[in-house]
């Protein structure tokens, strides 16, 4: 549904830092892990491990 014209103009005039934050992107653990129990994530020059435990927990370690 489109915003009314007055709201669209207000949005264009509002600086990005004052706008309502976007919802975080949702990703399923299945799409990250696939059939593996662990995935290695490189972020900002650091390496992290995301593990799916036998108890069904997700653990992220550095």
PDB file of N, CA and C in Angstrom:
ATOM      1  N   UNK A   1       0.847  -1.179   0.000  1.00  0.00           N
ATOM      2  CA  UNK A   1       0.000   0.000   0.000  1.00  0.00           C
ATOM      3  C   UNK A   1       0.891   1.240   0.000  1.00  0.00           C
ATOM      4  N   UNK A   2       0.631   2.162  -0.912  1.00  0.00           N
ATOM      5  CA  UNK A   2       1.443   3.371  -1.032  1.00  0.00           C
ATOM      6  C   UNK A   2       1.083   4.373   0.055  1.00  0.00           C
ATOM      7  N   UNK A   3       2.077   5.151   0.448  1.00  0.00           N
ATOM      8  CA  UNK A   3       1.838   6.205   1.429  1.00  0.00           C
ATOM      9  C   UNK A   3       1.134   7.375   0.760  1.00  0.00           C
ATOM     10  N   UNK A   4       0.301   8.100   1.513  1.00  0.00           N
ATOM     11  CA  UNK A   4      -0.283   9.320   0.954  1.00  0.00           C
ATOM     12  C   UNK A   4       0.841  10.288   0.567  1.00  0.00           C
ATOM     13  N   UNK A   5       0.562  11.159  -0.390  1.00  0.00           N
ATOM     14  CA  UNK A   5       1.581  12.068  -0.911  1.00  0.00           C
ATOM     15  C   UNK A   5       2.243  12.883   0.196  1.00  0.00           C
ATOM     16  N   UNK A   6       1.463  13.384   1.157  1.00  0.00           N
ATOM     17  CA  UNK A   6       2.046  14.192   2.234  1.00  0.00           C
ATOM     18  C   UNK A   6       3.046  13.382   3.065  1.00  0.00           C
ATOM     19  N   UNK A   7       2.768  12.096   3.285  1.00  0.00           N
ATOM     20  CA  UNK A   7       3.680  11.226   4.048  1.00  0.00           C
ATOM     21  C   UNK A   7       4.936  10.930   3.249  1.00  0.00           C
ATOM     22  N   UNK A   8       4.784  10.758   1.916  1.00  0.00           N
ATOM     23  CA  UNK A   8       5.952  10.493   1.069  1.00  0.00           C
ATOM     24  C   UNK A   8       6.892  11.686   1.081  1.00  0.00           C
ATOM     25  N   UNK A   9       6.351  12.888   1.014  1.00  0.00           N
ATOM     26  CA  UNK A   9       7.177  14.097   1.033  1.00  0.00           C
ATOM     27  C   UNK A   9       7.882  14.212   2.383  1.00  0.00           C
ATOM     28  N   UNK A  10       7.152  13.970   3.468  1.00  0.00           N
ATOM     29  CA  UNK A  10       7.754  14.016   4.802  1.00  0.00           C
ATOM     30  C   UNK A  10       8.891  13.013   4.916  1.00  0.00           C
ATOM     31  N   UNK A  11       8.702  11.813   4.379  1.00  0.00           N
ATOM     32  CA  UNK A  11       9.748  10.788   4.428  1.00  0.00           C
ATOM     33  C   UNK A  11      10.982  11.246   3.667  1.00  0.00           C
ATOM     34  N   UNK A  12      10.783  11.888   2.519  1.00  0.00           N
ATOM     35  CA  UNK A  12      11.923  12.367   1.741  1.00  0.00           C
ATOM     36  C   UNK A  12      12.678  13.469   2.472  1.00  0.00           C
ATOM     37  N   UNK A  13      11.967  14.264   3.257  1.00  0.00           N
ATOM     38  CA  UNK A  13      12.602  15.374   3.964  1.00  0.00           C
ATOM     39  C   UNK A  13      13.206  14.966   5.305  1.00  0.00           C
ATOM     40  N   UNK A  14      12.851  13.793   5.802  1.00  0.00           N
ATOM     41  CA  UNK A  14      13.351  13.333   7.096  1.00  0.00           C
ATOM     42  C   UNK A  14      14.714  12.678   6.913  1.00  0.00           C
ATOM     43  N   UNK A  15      15.743  13.142   7.653  1.00  0.00           N
ATOM     44  CA  UNK A  15      17.070  12.528   7.538  1.00  0.00           C
ATOM     45  C   UNK A  15      17.010  11.043   7.900  1.00  0.00           C
ATOM     46  N   UNK A  16      17.837  10.207   7.257  1.00  0.00           N
ATOM     47  CA  UNK A  16      17.800   8.760   7.500  1.00  0.00           C
ATOM     48  C   UNK A  16      17.951   8.386   8.970  1.00  0.00           C
ATOM     49  N   UNK A  17      18.768   9.102   9.721  1.00  0.00           N
ATOM     50  CA  UNK A  17      18.981   8.746  11.126  1.00  0.00           C
ATOM     51  C   UNK A  17      17.753   8.999  11.995  1.00  0.00           C
ATOM     52  N   UNK A  18      16.780   9.769  11.506  1.00  0.00           N
ATOM     53  CA  UNK A  18      15.556  10.028  12.260  1.00  0.00           C
ATOM     54  C   UNK A  18      14.393   9.139  11.826  1.00  0.00           C
ATOM     55  N   UNK A  19      14.583   8.355  10.772  1.00  0.00           N
ATOM     56  CA  UNK A  19      13.537   7.466  10.297  1.00  0.00           C
ATOM     57  C   UNK A  19      13.454   6.238  11.195  1.00  0.00           C
ATOM     58  N   UNK A  20      12.314   5.585  11.187  1.00  0.00           N
ATOM     59  CA  UNK A  20      12.143   4.357  11.959  1.00  0.00           C
ATOM     60  C   UNK A  20      13.111   3.299  11.433  1.00  0.00           C
ATOM     61  N   UNK A  21      13.740   2.549  12.326  1.00  0.00           N
ATOM     62  CA  UNK A  21      14.714   1.541  11.870  1.00  0.00           C
ATOM     63  C   UNK A  21      14.028   0.413  11.094  1.00  0.00           C
ATOM     64  N   UNK A  22      14.766  -0.140  10.141  1.00  0.00           N
ATOM     65  CA  UNK A  22      14.266  -1.273   9.364  1.00  0.00           C
ATOM     66  C   UNK A  22      14.305  -2.526  10.230  1.00  0.00           C
ATOM     67  N   UNK A  23      13.402  -3.445   9.971  1.00  0.00           N
ATOM     68  CA  UNK A  23      13.434  -4.724  10.675  1.00  0.00           C
ATOM     69  C   UNK A  23      14.660  -5.506  10.225  1.00  0.00           C
ATOM     70  N   UNK A  24      15.277  -6.245  11.149  1.00  0.00           N
ATOM     71  CA  UNK A  24      16.429  -7.051  10.737  1.00  0.00           C
ATOM     72  C   UNK A  24      16.009  -8.145   9.760  1.00  0.00           C
ATOM     73  N   UNK A  25      16.897  -8.484   8.872  1.00  0.00           N
ATOM     74  CA  UNK A  25      16.645  -9.547   7.915  1.00  0.00           C
ATOM     75  C   UNK A  25      16.582 -10.877   8.664  1.00  0.00           C
ATOM     76  N   UNK A  26      15.606 -11.714   8.361  1.00  0.00           N
ATOM     77  CA  UNK A  26      15.439 -13.007   9.025  1.00  0.00           C
ATOM     78  C   UNK A  26      15.989 -14.094   8.108  1.00  0.00           C
ATOM     79  N   UNK A  27      16.862 -14.935   8.671  1.00  0.00           N
ATOM     80  CA  UNK A  27      17.487 -16.024   7.931  1.00  0.00           C
ATOM     81  C   UNK A  27      17.308 -17.299   8.732  1.00  0.00           C
ATOM     82  N   UNK A  28      16.907 -18.386   8.091  1.00  0.00           N
ATOM     83  CA  UNK A  28      16.745 -19.647   8.814  1.00  0.00           C
ATOM     84  C   UNK A  28      18.108 -20.278   9.067  1.00  0.00           C
ATOM     85  N   UNK A  29      18.222 -20.977  10.179  1.00  0.00           N
ATOM     86  CA  UNK A  29      19.478 -21.669  10.482  1.00  0.00           C
ATOM     87  C   UNK A  29      19.755 -22.728   9.413  1.00  0.00           C
ATOM     88  N   UNK A  30      18.706 -23.307   8.860  1.00  0.00           N
ATOM     89  CA  UNK A  30      18.863 -24.313   7.802  1.00  0.00           C
ATOM     90  C   UNK A  30      19.564 -23.718   6.582  1.00  0.00           C
ATOM     91  N   UNK A  31      19.236 -22.467   6.245  1.00  0.00           N
ATOM     92  CA  UNK A  31      19.876 -21.848   5.082  1.00  0.00           C
ATOM     93  C   UNK A  31      21.348 -21.544   5.352  1.00  0.00           C
ATOM     94  N   UNK A  32      21.717 -21.324   6.611  1.00  0.00           N
ATOM     95  CA  UNK A  32      23.119 -21.093   6.956  1.00  0.00           C
ATOM     96  C   UNK A  32      23.908 -22.396   7.061  1.00  0.00           C
ATOM     97  N   UNK A  33      23.330 -23.383   7.735  1.00  0.00           N
ATOM     98  CA  UNK A  33      24.055 -24.616   8.027  1.00  0.00           C
ATOM     99  C   UNK A  33      23.894 -25.688   6.956  1.00  0.00           C
ATOM    100  N   UNK A  34      22.761 -25.701   6.266  1.00  0.00           N
ATOM    101  CA  UNK A  34      22.497 -26.788   5.329  1.00  0.00           C
ATOM    102  C   UNK A  34      22.442 -28.101   6.094  1.00  0.00           C
ATOM    103  N   UNK A  35      23.141 -29.106   5.618  1.00  0.00           N
ATOM    104  CA  UNK A  35      23.165 -30.397   6.311  1.00  0.00           C
ATOM    105  C   UNK A  35      24.322 -30.497   7.300  1.00  0.00           C
ATOM    106  N   UNK A  36      25.166 -29.458   7.379  1.00  0.00           N
ATOM    107  CA  UNK A  36      26.320 -29.463   8.288  1.00  0.00           C
ATOM    108  C   UNK A  36      25.890 -29.117   9.710  1.00  0.00           C
ATOM    109  N   UNK A  37      26.704 -29.453  10.670  1.00  0.00           N
ATOM    110  CA  UNK A  37      26.456 -29.113  12.070  1.00  0.00           C
ATOM    111  C   UNK A  37      27.197 -27.842  12.475  1.00  0.00           C
ATOM    112  N   UNK A  38      28.068 -27.340  11.597  1.00  0.00           N
ATOM    113  CA  UNK A  38      28.887 -26.172  11.933  1.00  0.00           C
ATOM    114  C   UNK A  38      29.187 -25.384  10.670  1.00  0.00           C
ATOM    115  N   UNK A  39      29.249 -24.063  10.820  1.00  0.00           N
ATOM    116  CA  UNK A  39      29.629 -23.191   9.717  1.00  0.00           C
ATOM    117  C   UNK A  39      30.623 -22.168  10.260  1.00  0.00           C
ATOM    118  N   UNK A  40      31.613 -21.818   9.451  1.00  0.00           N
ATOM    119  CA  UNK A  40      32.616 -20.818   9.823  1.00  0.00           C
ATOM    120  C   UNK A  40      32.217 -19.504   9.166  1.00  0.00           C
ATOM    121  N   UNK A  41      32.205 -18.436   9.978  1.00  0.00           N
ATOM    122  CA  UNK A  41      31.804 -17.108   9.500  1.00  0.00           C
ATOM    123  C   UNK A  41      32.985 -16.159   9.662  1.00  0.00           C
ATOM    124  N   UNK A  42      33.407 -15.528   8.581  1.00  0.00           N
ATOM    125  CA  UNK A  42      34.443 -14.501   8.632  1.00  0.00           C
ATOM    126  C   UNK A  42      33.762 -13.146   8.707  1.00  0.00           C
ATOM    127  N   UNK A  43      34.150 -12.357   9.712  1.00  0.00           N
ATOM    128  CA  UNK A  43      33.524 -11.049   9.904  1.00  0.00           C
ATOM    129  C   UNK A  43      34.549 -10.083  10.479  1.00  0.00           C
ATOM    130  N   UNK A  44      34.792  -9.006   9.759  1.00  0.00           N
ATOM    131  CA  UNK A  44      35.694  -7.966  10.250  1.00  0.00           C
ATOM    132  C   UNK A  44      37.086  -8.473  10.590  1.00  0.00           C
ATOM    133  N   UNK A  45      37.594  -9.399   9.795  1.00  0.00           N
ATOM    134  CA  UNK A  45      38.929  -9.934  10.041  1.00  0.00           C
ATOM    135  C   UNK A  45      38.981 -10.983  11.144  1.00  0.00           C
ATOM    136  N   UNK A  46      37.849 -11.335  11.699  1.00  0.00           N
ATOM    137  CA  UNK A  46      37.770 -12.356  12.753  1.00  0.00           C
ATOM    138  C   UNK A  46      37.027 -13.573  12.215  1.00  0.00           C
ATOM    139  N   UNK A  47      37.274 -14.720  12.831  1.00  0.00           N
ATOM    140  CA  UNK A  47      36.602 -15.957  12.449  1.00  0.00           C
ATOM    141  C   UNK A  47      35.706 -16.412  13.585  1.00  0.00           C
ATOM    142  N   UNK A  48      34.473 -16.736  13.254  1.00  0.00           N
ATOM    143  CA  UNK A  48      33.489 -17.220  14.217  1.00  0.00           C
ATOM    144  C   UNK A  48      32.981 -18.575  13.757  1.00  0.00           C
ATOM    145  N   UNK A  49      32.512 -19.375  14.699  1.00  0.00           N
ATOM    146  CA  UNK A  49      31.923 -20.674  14.384  1.00  0.00           C
ATOM    147  C   UNK A  49      30.500 -20.710  14.923  1.00  0.00           C
ATOM    148  N   UNK A  50      29.573 -21.087  14.073  1.00  0.00           N
ATOM    149  CA  UNK A  50      28.186 -21.279  14.474  1.00  0.00           C
ATOM    150  C   UNK A  50      27.933 -22.774  14.460  1.00  0.00           C
ATOM    151  N   UNK A  51      27.629 -23.327  15.639  1.00  0.00           N
ATOM    152  CA  UNK A  51      27.422 -24.776  15.761  1.00  0.00           C
ATOM    153  C   UNK A  51      25.984 -25.084  16.156  1.00  0.00           C
ATOM    154  N   UNK A  52      25.474 -26.164  15.595  1.00  0.00           N
ATOM    155  CA  UNK A  52      24.166 -26.695  15.977  1.00  0.00           C
ATOM    156  C   UNK A  52      24.451 -27.914  16.846  1.00  0.00           C
ATOM    157  N   UNK A  53      24.133 -27.832  18.123  1.00  0.00           N
ATOM    158  CA  UNK A  53      24.473 -28.906  19.053  1.00  0.00           C
ATOM    159  C   UNK A  53      23.473 -30.048  18.971  1.00  0.00           C
ATOM    160  N   UNK A  54      23.833 -31.154  19.591  1.00  0.00           N
ATOM    161  CA  UNK A  54      22.946 -32.322  19.618  1.00  0.00           C
ATOM    162  C   UNK A  54      21.688 -32.048  20.446  1.00  0.00           C
ATOM    163  N   UNK A  55      21.734 -31.007  21.299  1.00  0.00           N
ATOM    164  CA  UNK A  55      20.561 -30.619  22.089  1.00  0.00           C
ATOM    165  C   UNK A  55      19.665 -29.624  21.356  1.00  0.00           C
ATOM    166  N   UNK A  56      20.052 -29.260  20.124  1.00  0.00           N
ATOM    167  CA  UNK A  56      19.244 -28.340  19.334  1.00  0.00           C
ATOM    168  C   UNK A  56      19.583 -26.873  19.532  1.00  0.00           C
ATOM    169  N   UNK A  57      20.633 -26.585  20.277  1.00  0.00           N
ATOM    170  CA  UNK A  57      21.042 -25.203  20.512  1.00  0.00           C
ATOM    171  C   UNK A  57      21.915 -24.709  19.368  1.00  0.00           C
ATOM    172  N   UNK A  58      21.931 -23.385  19.153  1.00  0.00           N
ATOM    173  CA  UNK A  58      22.880 -22.749  18.260  1.00  0.00           C
ATOM    174  C   UNK A  58      23.879 -22.003  19.122  1.00  0.00           C
ATOM    175  N   UNK A  59      25.168 -22.253  18.902  1.00  0.00           N
ATOM    176  CA  UNK A  59      26.217 -21.610  19.687  1.00  0.00           C
ATOM    177  C   UNK A  59      27.163 -20.905  18.722  1.00  0.00           C
ATOM    178  N   UNK A  60      27.363 -19.606  18.962  1.00  0.00           N
ATOM    179  CA  UNK A  60      28.297 -18.807  18.167  1.00  0.00           C
ATOM    180  C   UNK A  60      29.520 -18.531  19.015  1.00  0.00           C
ATOM    181  N   UNK A  61      30.695 -18.959  18.558  1.00  0.00           N
ATOM    182  CA  UNK A  61      31.927 -18.728  19.305  1.00  0.00           C
ATOM    183  C   UNK A  61      32.946 -18.037  18.420  1.00  0.00           C
ATOM    184  N   UNK A  62      33.865 -17.340  19.064  1.00  0.00           N
ATOM    185  CA  UNK A  62      34.930 -16.626  18.362  1.00  0.00           C
ATOM    186  C   UNK A  62      36.169 -17.486  18.325  1.00  0.00           C
TER     187      UNK A  62
END
